[in-house]
Amino acid sequence: MTSERVPIFRISLTNATVLSGLYLVAAAVIEVVRARWNPHWADRASLAMEAFPARALEVLGLWRPLREAVVAEQLSNFQVRLIFGLTSALMIFAMGLVVGLLMWGLSRLGTRKAPP
């Protein structure tokens, strides 16, 4: 039996890159559709897409200051969307990093040699 090393960490980061790209493209398409035609489903889809970064910002303690800045009109809609997009991408990469590290650790446990 050969012991080929699977690049688990690199696979996880590649998956995170693809997922964050797809998430950002989907959010951009939904926003374009919402701005151009404003169908009811686009509003619901936009809110669903915003839930993930909003919850992440809330957990990090950054939701309240962001909300206060929006209410005080210190941030534009574009800036808020940019913050949400960056937050989403960062959270997806963080989850990819955690999953990659866990899988790497499990693979190391699985390939450990038994003591003599």
N, C-alpha and C. Protein backbone atom coordinates (compact mmCIF):
# COMPACT_ATOMS: atom_id res chain seq x y z
N MET A 1 0.83 -1.17 0.00
CA MET A 1 0.00 0.00 0.00
C MET A 1 0.88 1.24 0.00
N THR A 2 0.65 2.12 -0.93
CA THR A 2 1.45 3.34 -1.00
C THR A 2 0.79 4.42 -0.17
N SER A 3 1.61 5.29 0.34
CA SER A 3 1.07 6.39 1.15
C SER A 3 1.18 7.69 0.37
N GLU A 4 0.19 7.90 -0.48
CA GLU A 4 0.15 9.16 -1.22
C GLU A 4 -0.44 10.23 -0.31
N ARG A 5 0.17 11.38 -0.34
CA ARG A 5 -0.32 12.48 0.47
C ARG A 5 -1.34 13.27 -0.34
N VAL A 6 -2.50 13.43 0.22
CA VAL A 6 -3.55 14.20 -0.41
C VAL A 6 -3.41 15.65 0.10
N PRO A 7 -3.36 16.62 -0.81
CA PRO A 7 -3.19 18.02 -0.38
C PRO A 7 -4.51 18.58 0.18
N ILE A 8 -4.89 18.10 1.36
CA ILE A 8 -6.18 18.45 1.95
C ILE A 8 -6.30 19.95 2.18
N PHE A 9 -5.26 20.55 2.69
CA PHE A 9 -5.31 21.98 3.00
C PHE A 9 -5.48 22.79 1.71
N ARG A 10 -4.75 22.44 0.68
CA ARG A 10 -4.87 23.15 -0.59
C ARG A 10 -6.25 22.95 -1.21
N ILE A 11 -6.80 21.76 -1.08
CA ILE A 11 -8.15 21.49 -1.59
C ILE A 11 -9.17 22.34 -0.84
N SER A 12 -9.02 22.45 0.48
CA SER A 12 -9.95 23.26 1.27
C SER A 12 -9.89 24.73 0.87
N LEU A 13 -8.70 25.24 0.66
CA LEU A 13 -8.58 26.64 0.26
C LEU A 13 -9.11 26.86 -1.16
N THR A 14 -8.90 25.90 -2.04
CA THR A 14 -9.46 26.00 -3.39
C THR A 14 -10.98 25.99 -3.33
N ASN A 15 -11.54 25.11 -2.52
CA ASN A 15 -12.99 25.08 -2.36
C ASN A 15 -13.51 26.39 -1.79
N ALA A 16 -12.81 26.95 -0.82
CA ALA A 16 -13.22 28.23 -0.23
C ALA A 16 -13.18 29.34 -1.27
N THR A 17 -12.18 29.32 -2.13
CA THR A 17 -12.08 30.33 -3.19
C THR A 17 -13.25 30.21 -4.15
N VAL A 18 -13.54 28.99 -4.57
CA VAL A 18 -14.64 28.78 -5.50
C VAL A 18 -15.97 29.16 -4.85
N LEU A 19 -16.18 28.72 -3.61
CA LEU A 19 -17.44 29.02 -2.93
C LEU A 19 -17.63 30.52 -2.69
N SER A 20 -16.57 31.20 -2.28
CA SER A 20 -16.71 32.64 -2.05
C SER A 20 -16.95 33.37 -3.37
N GLY A 21 -16.31 32.93 -4.43
CA GLY A 21 -16.56 33.53 -5.74
C GLY A 21 -17.99 33.31 -6.20
N LEU A 22 -18.49 32.09 -6.05
CA LEU A 22 -19.88 31.81 -6.42
C LEU A 22 -20.86 32.62 -5.57
N TYR A 23 -20.57 32.74 -4.30
CA TYR A 23 -21.43 33.51 -3.40
C TYR A 23 -21.48 34.97 -3.83
N LEU A 24 -20.32 35.54 -4.14
CA LEU A 24 -20.27 36.94 -4.55
C LEU A 24 -20.93 37.16 -5.91
N VAL A 25 -20.74 36.23 -6.83
CA VAL A 25 -21.39 36.35 -8.15
C VAL A 25 -22.90 36.25 -7.99
N ALA A 26 -23.36 35.29 -7.20
CA ALA A 26 -24.81 35.13 -6.98
C ALA A 26 -25.39 36.38 -6.34
N ALA A 27 -24.70 36.94 -5.35
CA ALA A 27 -25.18 38.15 -4.70
C ALA A 27 -25.22 39.32 -5.67
N ALA A 28 -24.21 39.44 -6.50
CA ALA A 28 -24.18 40.52 -7.49
C ALA A 28 -25.30 40.38 -8.50
N VAL A 29 -25.55 39.17 -8.98
CA VAL A 29 -26.63 38.93 -9.94
C VAL A 29 -27.98 39.27 -9.30
N ILE A 30 -28.17 38.84 -8.08
CA ILE A 30 -29.43 39.14 -7.38
C ILE A 30 -29.61 40.65 -7.22
N GLU A 31 -28.55 41.36 -6.88
CA GLU A 31 -28.64 42.81 -6.72
C GLU A 31 -28.93 43.51 -8.04
N VAL A 32 -28.33 43.04 -9.12
CA VAL A 32 -28.61 43.64 -10.43
C VAL A 32 -30.06 43.41 -10.82
N VAL A 33 -30.55 42.18 -10.62
CA VAL A 33 -31.95 41.88 -10.93
C VAL A 33 -32.87 42.71 -10.05
N ARG A 34 -32.53 42.83 -8.77
CA ARG A 34 -33.35 43.60 -7.83
C ARG A 34 -33.39 45.08 -8.22
N ALA A 35 -32.25 45.62 -8.60
CA ALA A 35 -32.19 47.03 -8.97
C ALA A 35 -32.86 47.30 -10.31
N ARG A 36 -32.76 46.37 -11.22
CA ARG A 36 -33.28 46.59 -12.58
C ARG A 36 -34.79 46.33 -12.68
N TRP A 37 -35.24 45.15 -12.18
CA TRP A 37 -36.63 44.76 -12.37
C TRP A 37 -37.41 44.69 -11.06
N ASN A 38 -36.74 44.54 -9.95
CA ASN A 38 -37.33 44.48 -8.60
C ASN A 38 -38.46 43.45 -8.45
N PRO A 39 -38.24 42.21 -8.87
CA PRO A 39 -39.26 41.19 -8.58
C PRO A 39 -39.24 40.84 -7.09
N HIS A 40 -40.36 40.34 -6.61
CA HIS A 40 -40.50 40.04 -5.18
C HIS A 40 -39.46 39.00 -4.72
N TRP A 41 -39.19 38.01 -5.56
CA TRP A 41 -38.24 36.96 -5.16
C TRP A 41 -36.84 37.51 -4.97
N ALA A 42 -36.48 38.57 -5.71
CA ALA A 42 -35.14 39.13 -5.59
C ALA A 42 -34.94 39.81 -4.24
N ASP A 43 -36.00 40.44 -3.72
CA ASP A 43 -35.90 41.04 -2.39
C ASP A 43 -35.68 39.96 -1.33
N ARG A 44 -36.44 38.87 -1.44
CA ARG A 44 -36.26 37.78 -0.48
C ARG A 44 -34.89 37.13 -0.62
N ALA A 45 -34.43 36.96 -1.85
CA ALA A 45 -33.10 36.37 -2.07
C ALA A 45 -32.00 37.29 -1.53
N SER A 46 -32.17 38.59 -1.72
CA SER A 46 -31.19 39.55 -1.22
C SER A 46 -31.11 39.49 0.31
N LEU A 47 -32.27 39.43 0.96
CA LEU A 47 -32.29 39.32 2.43
C LEU A 47 -31.64 38.03 2.90
N ALA A 48 -31.89 36.95 2.16
CA ALA A 48 -31.28 35.67 2.52
C ALA A 48 -29.76 35.72 2.37
N MET A 49 -29.29 36.38 1.31
CA MET A 49 -27.84 36.50 1.09
C MET A 49 -27.19 37.39 2.15
N GLU A 50 -27.94 38.37 2.65
CA GLU A 50 -27.41 39.29 3.65
C GLU A 50 -27.41 38.69 5.05
N ALA A 51 -28.19 37.63 5.27
CA ALA A 51 -28.29 37.04 6.60
C ALA A 51 -26.96 36.47 7.08
N PHE A 52 -26.22 35.82 6.19
CA PHE A 52 -24.94 35.21 6.57
C PHE A 52 -23.92 36.24 7.05
N PRO A 53 -23.62 37.28 6.26
CA PRO A 53 -22.65 38.25 6.76
C PRO A 53 -23.17 39.07 7.94
N ALA A 54 -24.47 39.33 7.97
CA ALA A 54 -25.04 40.09 9.09
C ALA A 54 -24.86 39.31 10.40
N ARG A 55 -25.12 38.03 10.35
CA ARG A 55 -24.95 37.20 11.56
C ARG A 55 -23.47 37.11 11.95
N ALA A 56 -22.60 36.98 10.97
CA ALA A 56 -21.16 36.93 11.26
C ALA A 56 -20.70 38.24 11.91
N LEU A 57 -21.16 39.36 11.38
CA LEU A 57 -20.79 40.65 11.97
C LEU A 57 -21.36 40.80 13.37
N GLU A 58 -22.56 40.25 13.58
CA GLU A 58 -23.16 40.30 14.92
C GLU A 58 -22.34 39.49 15.92
N VAL A 59 -21.92 38.30 15.50
CA VAL A 59 -21.10 37.45 16.38
C VAL A 59 -19.78 38.14 16.71
N LEU A 60 -19.21 38.85 15.74
CA LEU A 60 -17.94 39.54 15.96
C LEU A 60 -18.10 40.87 16.68
N GLY A 61 -19.34 41.28 16.96
CA GLY A 61 -19.58 42.53 17.66
C GLY A 61 -19.50 43.77 16.78
N LEU A 62 -19.60 43.57 15.47
CA LEU A 62 -19.47 44.69 14.54
C LEU A 62 -20.79 45.11 13.91
N TRP A 63 -21.87 44.37 14.20
CA TRP A 63 -23.15 44.68 13.57
C TRP A 63 -23.72 46.01 14.08
N ARG A 64 -23.67 46.23 15.38
CA ARG A 64 -24.24 47.46 15.95
C ARG A 64 -23.54 48.71 15.42
N PRO A 65 -22.19 48.77 15.42
CA PRO A 65 -21.54 49.96 14.85
C PRO A 65 -21.85 50.15 13.36
N LEU A 66 -21.95 49.06 12.62
CA LEU A 66 -22.29 49.16 11.20
C LEU A 66 -23.70 49.72 11.03
N ARG A 67 -24.63 49.19 11.80
CA ARG A 67 -26.01 49.66 11.73
C ARG A 67 -26.12 51.13 12.12
N GLU A 68 -25.38 51.54 13.15
CA GLU A 68 -25.39 52.94 13.57
C GLU A 68 -24.81 53.84 12.49
N ALA A 69 -23.77 53.38 11.81
CA ALA A 69 -23.17 54.17 10.72
C ALA A 69 -24.13 54.30 9.55
N VAL A 70 -24.89 53.24 9.27
CA VAL A 70 -25.88 53.30 8.19
C VAL A 70 -27.00 54.27 8.54
N VAL A 71 -27.49 54.20 9.78
CA VAL A 71 -28.56 55.09 10.21
C VAL A 71 -28.10 56.54 10.19
N ALA A 72 -26.84 56.78 10.56
CA ALA A 72 -26.28 58.14 10.56
C ALA A 72 -25.86 58.58 9.16
N GLU A 73 -26.11 57.72 8.17
CA GLU A 73 -25.78 57.99 6.76
C GLU A 73 -24.28 58.26 6.55
N GLN A 74 -23.46 57.56 7.32
CA GLN A 74 -22.01 57.64 7.17
C GLN A 74 -21.50 56.63 6.15
N LEU A 75 -22.33 55.63 5.84
CA LEU A 75 -21.97 54.61 4.86
C LEU A 75 -23.04 54.57 3.77
N SER A 76 -22.60 54.44 2.55
CA SER A 76 -23.53 54.31 1.43
C SER A 76 -23.99 52.86 1.32
N ASN A 77 -25.02 52.64 0.53
CA ASN A 77 -25.50 51.29 0.27
C ASN A 77 -24.41 50.44 -0.37
N PHE A 78 -23.64 51.04 -1.27
CA PHE A 78 -22.54 50.32 -1.91
C PHE A 78 -21.49 49.89 -0.88
N GLN A 79 -21.16 50.78 0.06
CA GLN A 79 -20.17 50.44 1.09
C GLN A 79 -20.66 49.31 1.99
N VAL A 80 -21.94 49.34 2.32
CA VAL A 80 -22.50 48.26 3.14
C VAL A 80 -22.45 46.94 2.38
N ARG A 81 -22.81 46.96 1.10
CA ARG A 81 -22.75 45.74 0.28
C ARG A 81 -21.31 45.24 0.17
N LEU A 82 -20.36 46.15 0.04
CA LEU A 82 -18.95 45.77 -0.02
C LEU A 82 -18.51 45.13 1.29
N ILE A 83 -18.91 45.70 2.41
CA ILE A 83 -18.58 45.13 3.72
C ILE A 83 -19.19 43.74 3.85
N PHE A 84 -20.45 43.60 3.44
CA PHE A 84 -21.11 42.29 3.51
C PHE A 84 -20.40 41.28 2.61
N GLY A 85 -20.01 41.70 1.41
CA GLY A 85 -19.32 40.79 0.50
C GLY A 85 -17.98 40.34 1.05
N LEU A 86 -17.22 41.29 1.57
CA LEU A 86 -15.91 40.94 2.16
C LEU A 86 -16.08 40.05 3.38
N THR A 87 -17.08 40.36 4.20
CA THR A 87 -17.34 39.54 5.38
C THR A 87 -17.68 38.11 4.97
N SER A 88 -18.54 37.98 3.95
CA SER A 88 -18.91 36.65 3.47
C SER A 88 -17.70 35.88 2.98
N ALA A 89 -16.87 36.53 2.16
CA ALA A 89 -15.68 35.86 1.63
C ALA A 89 -14.73 35.47 2.76
N LEU A 90 -14.52 36.35 3.71
CA LEU A 90 -13.63 36.04 4.84
C LEU A 90 -14.17 34.90 5.69
N MET A 91 -15.48 34.88 5.92
CA MET A 91 -16.06 33.81 6.72
C MET A 91 -15.97 32.47 5.98
N ILE A 92 -16.18 32.48 4.68
CA ILE A 92 -16.05 31.25 3.91
C ILE A 92 -14.61 30.74 3.95
N PHE A 93 -13.64 31.65 3.84
CA PHE A 93 -12.24 31.24 3.94
C PHE A 93 -11.91 30.74 5.35
N ALA A 94 -12.47 31.38 6.36
CA ALA A 94 -12.23 30.93 7.74
C ALA A 94 -12.78 29.52 7.94
N MET A 95 -13.99 29.27 7.42
CA MET A 95 -14.55 27.93 7.53
C MET A 95 -13.72 26.93 6.73
N GLY A 96 -13.24 27.32 5.56
CA GLY A 96 -12.37 26.44 4.78
C GLY A 96 -11.08 26.13 5.52
N LEU A 97 -10.53 27.13 6.19
CA LEU A 97 -9.31 26.93 6.96
C LEU A 97 -9.55 25.96 8.11
N VAL A 98 -10.65 26.14 8.83
CA VAL A 98 -10.97 25.25 9.96
C VAL A 98 -11.19 23.83 9.46
N VAL A 99 -11.98 23.69 8.39
CA VAL A 99 -12.24 22.35 7.85
C VAL A 99 -10.93 21.73 7.34
N GLY A 100 -10.10 22.51 6.66
CA GLY A 100 -8.82 22.01 6.18
C GLY A 100 -7.93 21.53 7.31
N LEU A 101 -7.88 22.32 8.38
CA LEU A 101 -7.05 21.92 9.53
C LEU A 101 -7.60 20.67 10.21
N LEU A 102 -8.92 20.59 10.34
CA LEU A 102 -9.52 19.39 10.94
C LEU A 102 -9.26 18.15 10.09
N MET A 103 -9.43 18.29 8.79
CA MET A 103 -9.19 17.15 7.90
C MET A 103 -7.72 16.76 7.89
N TRP A 104 -6.83 17.75 7.93
CA TRP A 104 -5.40 17.46 7.98
C TRP A 104 -5.08 16.70 9.27
N GLY A 105 -5.64 17.17 10.38
CA GLY A 105 -5.41 16.49 11.66
C GLY A 105 -5.93 15.07 11.65
N LEU A 106 -7.13 14.88 11.09
CA LEU A 106 -7.69 13.52 11.01
C LEU A 106 -6.87 12.63 10.10
N SER A 107 -6.37 13.19 9.01
CA SER A 107 -5.55 12.37 8.11
C SER A 107 -4.23 12.00 8.77
N ARG A 108 -3.68 12.91 9.57
CA ARG A 108 -2.45 12.59 10.29
C ARG A 108 -2.69 11.50 11.32
N LEU A 109 -3.85 11.55 11.98
CA LEU A 109 -4.17 10.49 12.94
C LEU A 109 -4.34 9.14 12.24
N GLY A 110 -4.94 9.17 11.07
CA GLY A 110 -5.18 7.94 10.32
C GLY A 110 -3.93 7.32 9.75
N THR A 111 -2.90 8.12 9.49
CA THR A 111 -1.68 7.60 8.89
C THR A 111 -0.57 7.39 9.91
N ARG A 112 -0.87 7.64 11.18
CA ARG A 112 0.14 7.42 12.21
C ARG A 112 0.49 5.94 12.31
N LYS A 113 1.75 5.68 12.50
CA LYS A 113 2.19 4.29 12.62
C LYS A 113 2.01 3.85 14.07
N ALA A 114 1.61 2.60 14.18
CA ALA A 114 1.42 2.02 15.52
C ALA A 114 2.79 1.86 16.19
N PRO A 115 2.83 2.08 17.50
CA PRO A 115 4.11 1.90 18.18
C PRO A 115 4.55 0.44 18.17
N PRO A 116 5.88 0.20 18.12
CA PRO A 116 6.38 -1.19 18.02
C PRO A 116 6.14 -1.99 19.28
